[in-house]
Every structure is written in C-alpha cells, then in structure tokens.
C-alpha cells in the first residue's frame, strides 16, 4: 500500500509519493556541516584589489606617495603578498624626473625583473 515499483523506468520509481532516482544515478549529498573558515575565505577570494588584507596599507601607501590609485593598485596586485609588503616598506620617491607612479613601476621592475615570456629556461 502506497508503494509502487517502477521496474526499469529511466526516471526511477515512486515510494510514498516521492520519486526515487533510477538505479545507478548518483544523488548529490549535502555536506556534513558548514564550511570551514578557510573554505569561506577561499571562496571570497582576495577582494577587488586581489590583495587580501593589504588594502588599507596600500591605500595609505598610495596617499603617502601621491600615486595614481588605479595604476598603483594594478602594479602592486601583480606581486606576491610578501613582495608587495617589501615594496611598500622600502619604496622611496626621490627621482624628480619621473612621476611617483612611474618611479614605483621602475622600482618594482628593478627589484623583481619580469620573467622572460614563453622561453624555456632549460635551453632545450
């Protein structure tokens, strides 16, 4: 009573009015609990700047040296967090022949030269 067998129906069978999956079909399962704090942080990503918790120090750095905000954020966001902090801590604008942002760009390139594009370093 109340149990109907659907046989080999591709849609499965019904039991107590509920549709059951067909044999061999995997039903998604709910996770065993809420996600960990690390999983939530990973899903949120590093924010719009791509710089994580460095947003306030970057704003302060940009204001201190009167940098172009968009360009400076782009330059800094391309760096690994440890390198970004090192640049923020060690940069000094003394080259009056360049704008502060151009001086920052030059400083970053001098400190961390870009990798050669596409060529293998093995020489083969």
N, C-alpha and C. Protein backbone atom coordinates (compact mmCIF):
# COMPACT_ATOMS: atom_id res chain seq x y z
N UNK A 1 0.85 -1.18 0.00
CA UNK A 1 0.00 0.00 0.00
C UNK A 1 0.89 1.22 0.00
N UNK A 2 0.71 2.06 -1.01
CA UNK A 2 1.50 3.27 -1.09
C UNK A 2 2.84 3.06 -1.74
N UNK A 3 3.19 1.83 -2.07
CA UNK A 3 4.48 1.55 -2.69
C UNK A 3 4.23 1.11 -4.11
N UNK A 4 4.81 1.85 -5.03
CA UNK A 4 4.69 1.47 -6.42
C UNK A 4 6.09 1.24 -6.95
N UNK A 5 6.25 0.13 -7.64
CA UNK A 5 7.55 -0.14 -8.21
C UNK A 5 7.53 0.23 -9.66
N UNK A 6 8.51 0.95 -10.06
CA UNK A 6 8.56 1.44 -11.42
C UNK A 6 9.31 0.51 -12.35
N UNK A 7 9.83 -0.59 -11.84
CA UNK A 7 10.55 -1.51 -12.70
C UNK A 7 11.84 -0.89 -13.19
N UNK A 8 12.03 -0.86 -14.48
CA UNK A 8 13.28 -0.35 -15.05
C UNK A 8 13.08 1.01 -15.69
N UNK A 9 12.19 1.80 -15.16
CA UNK A 9 11.93 3.12 -15.70
C UNK A 9 13.17 4.00 -15.58
N UNK A 10 13.53 4.75 -16.64
CA UNK A 10 14.72 5.61 -16.55
C UNK A 10 14.56 6.73 -15.55
N UNK A 11 13.33 7.06 -15.19
CA UNK A 11 13.10 8.13 -14.22
C UNK A 11 13.10 7.61 -12.80
N UNK A 12 13.17 6.31 -12.61
CA UNK A 12 13.18 5.75 -11.27
C UNK A 12 11.79 5.32 -10.88
N UNK A 13 11.58 5.16 -9.59
CA UNK A 13 10.30 4.69 -9.10
C UNK A 13 9.75 5.68 -8.07
N UNK A 14 8.55 5.38 -7.61
CA UNK A 14 7.93 6.21 -6.57
C UNK A 14 7.76 5.38 -5.31
N UNK A 15 8.03 6.03 -4.19
CA UNK A 15 7.80 5.39 -2.90
C UNK A 15 7.17 6.42 -1.99
N UNK A 16 5.98 6.12 -1.49
CA UNK A 16 5.24 7.03 -0.62
C UNK A 16 5.09 8.41 -1.27
N UNK A 17 4.86 8.44 -2.57
CA UNK A 17 4.64 9.69 -3.26
C UNK A 17 5.89 10.45 -3.65
N UNK A 18 7.06 9.97 -3.24
CA UNK A 18 8.32 10.63 -3.57
C UNK A 18 9.01 9.88 -4.69
N UNK A 19 9.56 10.62 -5.64
CA UNK A 19 10.27 10.00 -6.75
C UNK A 19 11.66 9.58 -6.27
N UNK A 20 12.04 8.36 -6.57
CA UNK A 20 13.35 7.84 -6.23
C UNK A 20 14.22 7.86 -7.49
N UNK A 21 15.51 8.04 -7.35
CA UNK A 21 16.37 8.06 -8.53
C UNK A 21 16.46 6.68 -9.17
N UNK A 22 16.70 6.66 -10.45
CA UNK A 22 16.87 5.40 -11.17
C UNK A 22 18.13 4.72 -10.67
N UNK A 23 18.20 3.44 -10.84
CA UNK A 23 19.36 2.66 -10.41
C UNK A 23 20.60 3.18 -11.12
N UNK A 24 21.68 3.34 -10.39
CA UNK A 24 22.94 3.79 -10.98
C UNK A 24 23.10 5.30 -11.04
N UNK A 25 22.08 6.06 -10.64
CA UNK A 25 22.15 7.52 -10.67
C UNK A 25 22.59 8.00 -9.29
N UNK A 26 23.64 8.83 -9.27
CA UNK A 26 24.13 9.37 -8.00
C UNK A 26 23.36 10.64 -7.66
N UNK A 27 22.89 10.70 -6.45
CA UNK A 27 22.16 11.86 -5.97
C UNK A 27 23.13 12.73 -5.18
N UNK A 28 23.20 14.04 -5.48
CA UNK A 28 24.10 14.92 -4.72
C UNK A 28 23.75 14.89 -3.24
N UNK A 29 24.76 14.87 -2.41
CA UNK A 29 24.57 14.85 -0.95
C UNK A 29 24.91 16.20 -0.36
N UNK A 30 24.23 16.56 0.69
CA UNK A 30 24.55 17.78 1.43
C UNK A 30 25.88 17.57 2.16
N UNK A 31 26.70 18.62 2.30
CA UNK A 31 27.93 18.46 3.06
C UNK A 31 27.60 18.13 4.51
N UNK A 32 28.53 17.48 5.21
CA UNK A 32 28.26 17.05 6.58
C UNK A 32 28.08 18.20 7.57
N UNK A 33 28.57 19.37 7.25
CA UNK A 33 28.44 20.51 8.16
C UNK A 33 28.74 21.79 7.43
N UNK A 34 28.76 22.91 8.14
CA UNK A 34 29.06 24.19 7.50
C UNK A 34 30.51 24.21 7.04
N UNK A 35 30.83 25.04 6.03
CA UNK A 35 32.21 25.11 5.56
C UNK A 35 33.12 25.73 6.61
N UNK A 36 34.39 25.35 6.55
CA UNK A 36 35.36 25.89 7.50
C UNK A 36 35.63 27.36 7.17
N UNK A 37 36.24 28.05 8.11
CA UNK A 37 36.58 29.46 7.89
C UNK A 37 37.55 29.60 6.72
N UNK A 38 38.46 28.64 6.57
CA UNK A 38 39.41 28.69 5.45
C UNK A 38 38.69 28.53 4.12
N UNK A 39 37.69 27.65 4.08
CA UNK A 39 36.94 27.45 2.84
C UNK A 39 36.14 28.70 2.48
N UNK A 40 35.55 29.34 3.47
CA UNK A 40 34.79 30.58 3.22
C UNK A 40 35.72 31.67 2.72
N UNK A 41 36.89 31.81 3.33
CA UNK A 41 37.86 32.82 2.91
C UNK A 41 38.33 32.56 1.49
N UNK A 42 38.55 31.29 1.15
CA UNK A 42 38.99 30.94 -0.20
C UNK A 42 37.92 31.28 -1.23
N UNK A 43 36.65 31.05 -0.88
CA UNK A 43 35.56 31.36 -1.81
C UNK A 43 35.43 32.86 -2.02
N UNK A 44 35.65 33.63 -0.98
CA UNK A 44 35.54 35.09 -1.10
C UNK A 44 36.67 35.67 -1.93
N UNK A 45 37.78 34.97 -1.99
CA UNK A 45 38.91 35.45 -2.76
C UNK A 45 39.63 36.57 -2.05
N UNK A 46 40.44 37.27 -2.78
CA UNK A 46 41.27 38.30 -2.20
C UNK A 46 40.67 39.69 -2.33
N UNK A 47 39.44 39.80 -2.72
CA UNK A 47 38.82 41.10 -2.84
C UNK A 47 39.03 41.71 -4.22
N UNK A 48 38.48 42.87 -4.42
CA UNK A 48 38.55 43.52 -5.73
C UNK A 48 39.98 43.87 -6.12
N UNK A 49 40.82 44.16 -5.15
CA UNK A 49 42.19 44.52 -5.47
C UNK A 49 43.06 43.30 -5.71
N UNK A 50 42.59 42.15 -5.26
CA UNK A 50 43.42 40.98 -5.36
C UNK A 50 44.56 41.02 -4.37
N UNK A 51 44.39 41.73 -3.28
CA UNK A 51 45.48 41.91 -2.34
C UNK A 51 45.13 41.51 -0.92
N UNK A 52 43.96 40.92 -0.71
CA UNK A 52 43.63 40.41 0.62
C UNK A 52 43.58 41.47 1.70
N UNK A 53 44.30 41.23 2.79
CA UNK A 53 44.28 42.12 3.95
C UNK A 53 45.19 43.33 3.78
N UNK A 54 45.82 43.49 2.63
CA UNK A 54 46.73 44.60 2.40
C UNK A 54 46.03 45.86 1.89
N UNK A 55 44.71 45.87 1.84
CA UNK A 55 44.01 47.00 1.23
C UNK A 55 44.29 48.32 1.94
N UNK A 56 44.22 48.36 3.26
CA UNK A 56 44.45 49.62 3.97
C UNK A 56 45.90 50.08 3.85
N UNK A 57 46.88 49.20 4.03
CA UNK A 57 48.26 49.66 3.83
C UNK A 57 48.51 50.16 2.40
N UNK A 58 47.85 49.55 1.43
CA UNK A 58 48.01 50.01 0.04
C UNK A 58 47.40 51.40 -0.12
N UNK A 59 46.23 51.63 0.45
CA UNK A 59 45.61 52.97 0.38
C UNK A 59 46.52 54.01 1.03
N UNK A 60 47.08 53.66 2.18
CA UNK A 60 47.98 54.58 2.88
C UNK A 60 49.24 54.86 2.04
N UNK A 61 49.78 53.81 1.44
CA UNK A 61 50.97 53.93 0.60
C UNK A 61 50.69 54.84 -0.59
N UNK A 62 49.55 54.64 -1.24
CA UNK A 62 49.17 55.46 -2.40
C UNK A 62 49.02 56.92 -1.99
N UNK A 63 48.40 57.16 -0.85
CA UNK A 63 48.21 58.53 -0.38
C UNK A 63 49.55 59.17 -0.01
N UNK A 64 50.41 58.42 0.68
CA UNK A 64 51.69 58.95 1.12
C UNK A 64 52.54 59.44 -0.05
N UNK A 65 52.59 58.65 -1.12
CA UNK A 65 53.45 58.99 -2.25
C UNK A 65 52.69 59.66 -3.39
N UNK A 66 51.41 59.93 -3.19
CA UNK A 66 50.57 60.59 -4.20
C UNK A 66 50.61 59.87 -5.55
N UNK A 67 50.37 58.56 -5.47
CA UNK A 67 50.39 57.72 -6.66
C UNK A 67 49.05 57.75 -7.37
N UNK A 68 49.04 57.38 -8.65
CA UNK A 68 47.79 57.20 -9.38
C UNK A 68 47.15 55.92 -8.83
N UNK A 69 45.99 56.01 -8.18
CA UNK A 69 45.43 54.85 -7.49
C UNK A 69 45.25 53.60 -8.36
N UNK A 70 44.62 53.73 -9.51
CA UNK A 70 44.34 52.55 -10.32
C UNK A 70 45.63 51.88 -10.79
N UNK A 71 46.55 52.68 -11.27
CA UNK A 71 47.80 52.11 -11.79
C UNK A 71 48.65 51.51 -10.67
N UNK A 72 48.72 52.18 -9.54
CA UNK A 72 49.50 51.68 -8.41
C UNK A 72 48.90 50.38 -7.88
N UNK A 73 47.59 50.31 -7.77
CA UNK A 73 46.94 49.08 -7.31
C UNK A 73 47.22 47.93 -8.27
N UNK A 74 47.18 48.21 -9.57
CA UNK A 74 47.47 47.18 -10.56
C UNK A 74 48.91 46.69 -10.42
N UNK A 75 49.85 47.61 -10.30
CA UNK A 75 51.25 47.23 -10.15
C UNK A 75 51.46 46.37 -8.90
N UNK A 76 50.87 46.78 -7.81
CA UNK A 76 51.05 46.06 -6.55
C UNK A 76 50.30 44.73 -6.52
N UNK A 77 49.14 44.68 -7.17
CA UNK A 77 48.34 43.44 -7.15
C UNK A 77 49.02 42.32 -7.91
N UNK A 78 49.93 42.64 -8.80
CA UNK A 78 50.65 41.61 -9.57
C UNK A 78 51.74 40.94 -8.75
N UNK A 79 52.07 41.51 -7.60
CA UNK A 79 53.14 40.97 -6.76
C UNK A 79 52.60 39.98 -5.74
N UNK A 80 53.45 39.05 -5.34
CA UNK A 80 53.10 38.15 -4.24
C UNK A 80 52.98 39.00 -2.97
N UNK A 81 52.18 38.56 -2.00
CA UNK A 81 51.98 39.38 -0.79
C UNK A 81 53.27 39.79 -0.08
N UNK A 82 54.23 38.88 0.04
CA UNK A 82 55.48 39.22 0.73
C UNK A 82 56.25 40.28 -0.04
N UNK A 83 56.27 40.17 -1.36
CA UNK A 83 56.97 41.17 -2.19
C UNK A 83 56.24 42.50 -2.14
N UNK A 84 54.91 42.45 -2.13
CA UNK A 84 54.11 43.68 -2.06
C UNK A 84 54.44 44.44 -0.78
N UNK A 85 54.48 43.71 0.34
CA UNK A 85 54.80 44.36 1.61
C UNK A 85 56.22 44.94 1.60
N UNK A 86 57.15 44.20 0.98
CA UNK A 86 58.54 44.67 0.91
C UNK A 86 58.63 45.94 0.08
N UNK A 87 57.90 46.01 -1.01
CA UNK A 87 57.89 47.21 -1.86
C UNK A 87 57.29 48.38 -1.09
N UNK A 88 56.17 48.14 -0.42
CA UNK A 88 55.51 49.20 0.36
C UNK A 88 56.44 49.73 1.45
N UNK A 89 57.18 48.82 2.08
CA UNK A 89 58.07 49.22 3.18
C UNK A 89 59.34 49.92 2.70
N UNK A 90 59.82 49.58 1.50
CA UNK A 90 61.14 50.08 1.09
C UNK A 90 61.13 51.16 0.01
N UNK A 91 60.00 51.38 -0.67
CA UNK A 91 59.97 52.37 -1.75
C UNK A 91 60.14 53.78 -1.21
N UNK A 92 60.99 54.53 -1.89
CA UNK A 92 61.18 55.96 -1.59
C UNK A 92 61.14 56.70 -2.92
N UNK A 93 60.36 57.76 -2.99
CA UNK A 93 60.27 58.55 -4.21
C UNK A 93 61.27 59.69 -4.13
N UNK A 94 62.37 59.55 -4.88
CA UNK A 94 63.39 60.59 -4.88
C UNK A 94 63.72 61.06 -6.29
N UNK A 95 63.25 60.33 -7.30
CA UNK A 95 63.56 60.68 -8.69
C UNK A 95 62.57 61.73 -9.18
N UNK A 96 62.99 62.95 -9.17
CA UNK A 96 62.09 64.04 -9.54
C UNK A 96 61.84 64.12 -11.05
N UNK A 97 62.63 63.36 -11.86
CA UNK A 97 62.42 63.37 -13.30
C UNK A 97 61.26 62.46 -13.72
N UNK A 98 60.74 61.65 -12.79
CA UNK A 98 59.61 60.76 -13.06
C UNK A 98 58.44 61.11 -12.16
N UNK A 99 57.25 60.73 -12.60
CA UNK A 99 56.10 60.85 -11.70
C UNK A 99 56.25 59.80 -10.60
N UNK A 100 55.61 59.98 -9.47
CA UNK A 100 55.72 58.98 -8.40
C UNK A 100 55.30 57.57 -8.86
N UNK A 101 54.26 57.49 -9.67
CA UNK A 101 53.79 56.18 -10.12
C UNK A 101 54.79 55.54 -11.08
N UNK A 102 55.37 56.34 -11.96
CA UNK A 102 56.39 55.81 -12.87
C UNK A 102 57.63 55.36 -12.09
N UNK A 103 57.97 56.11 -11.05
CA UNK A 103 59.11 55.73 -10.21
C UNK A 103 58.81 54.41 -9.50
N UNK A 104 57.57 54.22 -9.03
CA UNK A 104 57.19 52.96 -8.40
C UNK A 104 57.31 51.81 -9.41
N UNK A 105 56.81 52.03 -10.61
CA UNK A 105 56.87 50.99 -11.63
C UNK A 105 58.33 50.61 -11.92
N UNK A 106 59.19 51.61 -12.07
CA UNK A 106 60.61 51.35 -12.32
C UNK A 106 61.24 50.61 -11.14
N UNK A 107 60.90 51.01 -9.93
CA UNK A 107 61.44 50.38 -8.72
C UNK A 107 61.05 48.90 -8.66
N UNK A 108 59.79 48.60 -8.96
CA UNK A 108 59.33 47.21 -8.93
C UNK A 108 60.08 46.38 -9.97
N UNK A 109 60.24 46.92 -11.18
CA UNK A 109 60.95 46.19 -12.24
C UNK A 109 62.41 45.96 -11.86
N UNK A 110 63.03 46.94 -11.21
CA UNK A 110 64.42 46.77 -10.78
C UNK A 110 64.54 45.72 -9.68
N UNK A 111 63.59 45.72 -8.76
CA UNK A 111 63.63 44.77 -7.65
C UNK A 111 63.26 43.36 -8.09
N UNK A 112 62.25 43.24 -8.93
CA UNK A 112 61.73 41.95 -9.37
C UNK A 112 61.55 41.96 -10.88
N UNK A 113 62.65 41.74 -11.63
CA UNK A 113 62.55 41.77 -13.09
C UNK A 113 61.52 40.75 -13.58
N UNK A 114 60.75 41.11 -14.62
CA UNK A 114 59.76 40.17 -15.14
C UNK A 114 60.44 38.96 -15.74
N UNK A 115 59.77 37.82 -15.64
CA UNK A 115 60.29 36.58 -16.22
C UNK A 115 60.23 36.69 -17.75
N UNK A 116 61.17 36.03 -18.42
CA UNK A 116 61.15 36.05 -19.88
C UNK A 116 59.91 35.31 -20.36
N UNK A 117 59.25 35.86 -21.34
CA UNK A 117 57.98 35.31 -21.81
C UNK A 117 58.13 34.11 -22.71
N UNK A 118 57.55 32.96 -22.31
CA UNK A 118 57.40 31.81 -23.17
C UNK A 118 58.63 30.94 -23.35
N UNK A 119 59.84 31.44 -23.19
CA UNK A 119 61.03 30.66 -23.45
C UNK A 119 61.34 29.75 -22.27
N UNK A 120 61.77 28.58 -22.59
CA UNK A 120 62.13 27.62 -21.55
C UNK A 120 63.51 27.95 -21.01
N UNK A 121 63.69 27.86 -19.71
CA UNK A 121 64.99 28.17 -19.11
C UNK A 121 65.95 26.99 -19.19
N UNK A 122 65.48 25.82 -19.68
CA UNK A 122 66.34 24.65 -19.75
C UNK A 122 67.23 24.67 -20.98
N UNK A 123 66.87 25.47 -21.98
CA UNK A 123 67.69 25.58 -23.17
C UNK A 123 67.45 24.47 -24.18
N UNK A 124 66.39 23.71 -24.01
CA UNK A 124 66.09 22.62 -24.96
C UNK A 124 64.94 22.95 -25.83
